[in-house]
Amino acid sequence: MIGSFRIKTIKGAQLVVIGTDFKLELKSDMLEIESDFSNVSNRCITHIDFEIDAKDLSKIEPSKIKTLELSSKKDKVIFSMLEYADDEE
């Protein structure tokens, strides 16, 4: 993840995927997470992996997802899906 979300924790992170007919809570594979500052983008780069069961994999389709909520410690970032028009004019 690249952005202003900066984290340093030994308790891991959580990702909540909220869809049209489901809510999926995922925990990070690693507990120790630390963001790195990038001079190139003037933002932080954070590497996070999440566990997902094979049975839940089919739920993760862009057309079904409404929001993603990433949280760790007291920080929370909410990502909304962007809608775009497919103009073929």
N, C-alpha and C. Protein backbone atom coordinates (compact mmCIF):
# COMPACT_ATOMS: atom_id res chain seq x y z
N MET A 1 0.84 -1.15 0.00
CA MET A 1 0.00 0.00 0.00
C MET A 1 0.90 1.23 0.00
N ILE A 2 0.54 2.19 -0.82
CA ILE A 2 1.28 3.45 -0.88
C ILE A 2 0.32 4.56 -0.50
N GLY A 3 0.71 5.42 0.42
CA GLY A 3 -0.15 6.53 0.81
C GLY A 3 0.31 7.17 2.10
N SER A 4 -0.59 7.90 2.74
CA SER A 4 -0.25 8.62 3.97
C SER A 4 -0.45 7.75 5.22
N PHE A 5 -0.99 6.55 5.05
CA PHE A 5 -1.17 5.62 6.17
C PHE A 5 0.19 5.13 6.62
N ARG A 6 0.61 5.52 7.81
CA ARG A 6 1.91 5.13 8.34
C ARG A 6 1.67 4.29 9.58
N ILE A 7 2.37 3.17 9.66
CA ILE A 7 2.11 2.24 10.74
C ILE A 7 3.40 1.61 11.25
N LYS A 8 3.43 1.35 12.54
CA LYS A 8 4.49 0.56 13.17
C LYS A 8 3.81 -0.18 14.31
N THR A 9 3.71 -1.49 14.16
CA THR A 9 2.98 -2.27 15.15
C THR A 9 3.56 -3.68 15.26
N ILE A 10 3.30 -4.31 16.39
CA ILE A 10 3.63 -5.71 16.57
C ILE A 10 2.35 -6.52 16.80
N LYS A 11 1.20 -5.89 16.52
CA LYS A 11 -0.09 -6.54 16.72
C LYS A 11 -0.83 -6.83 15.41
N GLY A 12 -0.20 -6.57 14.28
CA GLY A 12 -0.82 -6.88 12.99
C GLY A 12 -1.86 -5.85 12.56
N ALA A 13 -2.55 -6.18 11.49
CA ALA A 13 -3.56 -5.29 10.92
C ALA A 13 -4.78 -6.13 10.51
N GLN A 14 -5.89 -5.44 10.32
CA GLN A 14 -7.12 -6.09 9.90
C GLN A 14 -7.64 -5.41 8.64
N LEU A 15 -8.20 -6.20 7.75
CA LEU A 15 -8.83 -5.67 6.55
C LEU A 15 -10.25 -6.20 6.53
N VAL A 16 -11.21 -5.27 6.48
CA VAL A 16 -12.62 -5.65 6.40
C VAL A 16 -13.10 -5.31 4.99
N VAL A 17 -13.58 -6.33 4.31
CA VAL A 17 -14.11 -6.16 2.96
C VAL A 17 -15.62 -6.18 3.08
N ILE A 18 -16.26 -5.06 2.72
CA ILE A 18 -17.72 -4.96 2.80
C ILE A 18 -18.27 -4.97 1.39
N GLY A 19 -19.12 -5.95 1.13
CA GLY A 19 -19.69 -6.11 -0.20
C GLY A 19 -21.20 -5.95 -0.18
N THR A 20 -21.80 -6.20 -1.33
CA THR A 20 -23.25 -6.03 -1.46
C THR A 20 -24.02 -7.00 -0.58
N ASP A 21 -23.51 -8.20 -0.37
CA ASP A 21 -24.22 -9.18 0.45
C ASP A 21 -23.30 -9.95 1.40
N PHE A 22 -22.19 -9.34 1.78
CA PHE A 22 -21.26 -10.01 2.68
C PHE A 22 -20.36 -9.01 3.39
N LYS A 23 -19.75 -9.47 4.47
CA LYS A 23 -18.72 -8.73 5.20
C LYS A 23 -17.65 -9.75 5.56
N LEU A 24 -16.43 -9.49 5.10
CA LEU A 24 -15.34 -10.43 5.27
C LEU A 24 -14.23 -9.76 6.08
N GLU A 25 -13.85 -10.37 7.20
CA GLU A 25 -12.79 -9.82 8.05
C GLU A 25 -11.53 -10.66 7.89
N LEU A 26 -10.45 -10.01 7.48
CA LEU A 26 -9.18 -10.70 7.26
C LEU A 26 -8.12 -10.16 8.21
N LYS A 27 -7.27 -11.05 8.70
CA LYS A 27 -6.16 -10.65 9.57
C LYS A 27 -4.86 -10.76 8.78
N SER A 28 -3.92 -9.89 9.11
CA SER A 28 -2.64 -9.91 8.41
C SER A 28 -1.87 -11.19 8.75
N ASP A 29 -1.08 -11.65 7.79
CA ASP A 29 -0.25 -12.84 8.00
C ASP A 29 0.85 -12.57 9.02
N MET A 30 1.32 -11.34 9.06
CA MET A 30 2.43 -11.01 9.95
C MET A 30 1.95 -10.04 11.03
N LEU A 31 2.51 -10.16 12.21
CA LEU A 31 2.14 -9.28 13.31
C LEU A 31 2.99 -8.01 13.32
N GLU A 32 4.23 -8.12 12.95
CA GLU A 32 5.13 -6.96 12.96
C GLU A 32 5.08 -6.27 11.59
N ILE A 33 4.58 -5.04 11.59
CA ILE A 33 4.43 -4.27 10.35
C ILE A 33 5.01 -2.89 10.57
N GLU A 34 5.79 -2.42 9.61
CA GLU A 34 6.36 -1.08 9.70
C GLU A 34 6.39 -0.45 8.31
N SER A 35 5.87 0.76 8.21
CA SER A 35 5.88 1.50 6.95
C SER A 35 7.26 2.07 6.68
N ASP A 36 7.61 2.15 5.42
CA ASP A 36 8.87 2.77 4.99
C ASP A 36 8.54 4.06 4.25
N PHE A 37 9.30 5.11 4.54
CA PHE A 37 9.09 6.38 3.85
C PHE A 37 9.75 6.31 2.48
N SER A 38 9.07 6.84 1.47
CA SER A 38 9.61 6.85 0.11
C SER A 38 9.81 8.29 -0.34
N ASN A 39 11.04 8.65 -0.64
CA ASN A 39 11.33 10.00 -1.16
C ASN A 39 10.77 10.20 -2.56
N VAL A 40 10.64 9.12 -3.31
CA VAL A 40 10.16 9.21 -4.68
C VAL A 40 8.72 9.72 -4.73
N SER A 41 7.86 9.12 -3.94
CA SER A 41 6.46 9.51 -3.96
C SER A 41 6.09 10.44 -2.82
N ASN A 42 7.02 10.69 -1.90
CA ASN A 42 6.76 11.50 -0.71
C ASN A 42 5.61 10.91 0.11
N ARG A 43 5.54 9.60 0.11
CA ARG A 43 4.50 8.86 0.83
C ARG A 43 5.14 7.69 1.55
N CYS A 44 4.34 6.95 2.26
CA CYS A 44 4.81 5.75 2.96
C CYS A 44 4.43 4.51 2.15
N ILE A 45 5.29 3.52 2.20
CA ILE A 45 5.03 2.24 1.55
C ILE A 45 4.94 1.19 2.64
N THR A 46 3.83 0.47 2.66
CA THR A 46 3.60 -0.54 3.67
C THR A 46 3.29 -1.87 3.01
N HIS A 47 4.03 -2.89 3.37
CA HIS A 47 3.81 -4.23 2.83
C HIS A 47 2.99 -5.02 3.85
N ILE A 48 1.79 -5.44 3.44
CA ILE A 48 0.92 -6.22 4.31
C ILE A 48 0.32 -7.36 3.50
N ASP A 49 0.38 -8.57 4.04
CA ASP A 49 -0.26 -9.73 3.45
C ASP A 49 -1.41 -10.16 4.34
N PHE A 50 -2.50 -10.60 3.72
CA PHE A 50 -3.66 -11.05 4.49
C PHE A 50 -4.00 -12.49 4.15
N GLU A 51 -4.50 -13.21 5.15
CA GLU A 51 -4.95 -14.58 4.97
C GLU A 51 -6.38 -14.58 4.44
N ILE A 52 -6.65 -15.45 3.46
CA ILE A 52 -8.02 -15.60 2.98
C ILE A 52 -8.26 -17.07 2.66
N ASP A 53 -9.39 -17.57 3.10
CA ASP A 53 -9.76 -18.95 2.83
C ASP A 53 -10.19 -19.09 1.37
N ALA A 54 -9.95 -20.25 0.80
CA ALA A 54 -10.31 -20.51 -0.59
C ALA A 54 -11.81 -20.33 -0.81
N LYS A 55 -12.62 -20.68 0.18
CA LYS A 55 -14.08 -20.56 0.04
C LYS A 55 -14.53 -19.09 -0.03
N ASP A 56 -13.74 -18.18 0.51
CA ASP A 56 -14.09 -16.76 0.49
C ASP A 56 -13.54 -16.02 -0.73
N LEU A 57 -12.65 -16.67 -1.45
CA LEU A 57 -11.99 -16.03 -2.59
C LEU A 57 -12.97 -15.58 -3.67
N SER A 58 -14.01 -16.34 -3.90
CA SER A 58 -14.98 -15.99 -4.95
C SER A 58 -15.78 -14.73 -4.61
N LYS A 59 -15.83 -14.36 -3.34
CA LYS A 59 -16.55 -13.14 -2.93
C LYS A 59 -15.82 -11.87 -3.35
N ILE A 60 -14.51 -11.97 -3.51
CA ILE A 60 -13.69 -10.79 -3.79
C ILE A 60 -13.72 -10.48 -5.28
N GLU A 61 -14.79 -9.87 -5.71
CA GLU A 61 -14.94 -9.40 -7.09
C GLU A 61 -15.18 -7.89 -7.03
N PRO A 62 -14.49 -7.13 -7.86
CA PRO A 62 -14.66 -5.67 -7.81
C PRO A 62 -16.12 -5.21 -7.92
N SER A 63 -16.92 -5.91 -8.68
CA SER A 63 -18.32 -5.50 -8.85
C SER A 63 -19.15 -5.71 -7.59
N LYS A 64 -18.68 -6.57 -6.67
CA LYS A 64 -19.41 -6.85 -5.43
C LYS A 64 -18.91 -6.03 -4.24
N ILE A 65 -17.73 -5.45 -4.32
CA ILE A 65 -17.13 -4.75 -3.19
C ILE A 65 -17.61 -3.30 -3.12
N LYS A 66 -18.01 -2.89 -1.91
CA LYS A 66 -18.42 -1.50 -1.67
C LYS A 66 -17.28 -0.71 -1.04
N THR A 67 -16.71 -1.22 0.05
CA THR A 67 -15.61 -0.54 0.73
C THR A 67 -14.61 -1.55 1.29
N LEU A 68 -13.40 -1.06 1.52
CA LEU A 68 -12.35 -1.80 2.21
C LEU A 68 -11.94 -0.96 3.40
N GLU A 69 -11.86 -1.56 4.58
CA GLU A 69 -11.45 -0.84 5.78
C GLU A 69 -10.17 -1.48 6.32
N LEU A 70 -9.09 -0.73 6.30
CA LEU A 70 -7.81 -1.20 6.82
C LEU A 70 -7.58 -0.54 8.17
N SER A 71 -7.33 -1.35 9.19
CA SER A 71 -7.12 -0.77 10.52
C SER A 71 -5.99 -1.48 11.25
N SER A 72 -5.33 -0.70 12.07
CA SER A 72 -4.28 -1.20 12.95
C SER A 72 -4.12 -0.20 14.07
N LYS A 73 -3.96 -0.71 15.27
CA LYS A 73 -3.89 0.16 16.45
C LYS A 73 -5.10 1.08 16.46
N LYS A 74 -4.87 2.38 16.46
CA LYS A 74 -5.94 3.36 16.50
C LYS A 74 -6.21 3.97 15.12
N ASP A 75 -5.47 3.53 14.11
CA ASP A 75 -5.60 4.09 12.76
C ASP A 75 -6.55 3.27 11.92
N LYS A 76 -7.32 3.96 11.08
CA LYS A 76 -8.25 3.29 10.18
C LYS A 76 -8.31 4.08 8.88
N VAL A 77 -8.24 3.34 7.76
CA VAL A 77 -8.36 3.95 6.44
C VAL A 77 -9.50 3.24 5.73
N ILE A 78 -10.40 4.01 5.14
CA ILE A 78 -11.53 3.45 4.40
C ILE A 78 -11.35 3.75 2.93
N PHE A 79 -11.36 2.69 2.13
CA PHE A 79 -11.25 2.82 0.69
C PHE A 79 -12.63 2.59 0.08
N SER A 80 -13.08 3.51 -0.76
CA SER A 80 -14.35 3.34 -1.45
C SER A 80 -14.07 2.97 -2.89
N MET A 81 -14.95 2.19 -3.45
CA MET A 81 -14.80 1.80 -4.84
C MET A 81 -15.26 2.96 -5.73
N LEU A 82 -14.47 3.23 -6.75
CA LEU A 82 -14.83 4.27 -7.70
C LEU A 82 -15.66 3.68 -8.82
N GLU A 83 -16.67 4.42 -9.20
CA GLU A 83 -17.47 4.00 -10.33
C GLU A 83 -17.09 4.85 -11.52
N TYR A 84 -17.02 4.21 -12.67
CA TYR A 84 -16.67 4.94 -13.87
C TYR A 84 -17.61 4.58 -14.98
N ALA A 85 -17.79 5.51 -15.89
CA ALA A 85 -18.66 5.26 -17.04
C ALA A 85 -17.81 4.72 -18.18
N ASP A 86 -18.30 3.72 -18.82
CA ASP A 86 -17.59 3.11 -19.94
C ASP A 86 -18.15 3.71 -21.23
N ASP A 87 -17.64 4.88 -21.58
CA ASP A 87 -18.10 5.57 -22.79
C ASP A 87 -17.36 5.07 -24.00
N GLU A 88 -18.10 4.65 -24.99
CA GLU A 88 -17.47 4.17 -26.22
C GLU A 88 -17.82 5.09 -27.37
N GLU A 89 -17.87 6.36 -27.13
CA GLU A 89 -18.22 7.32 -28.18
C GLU A 89 -17.04 7.76 -28.95
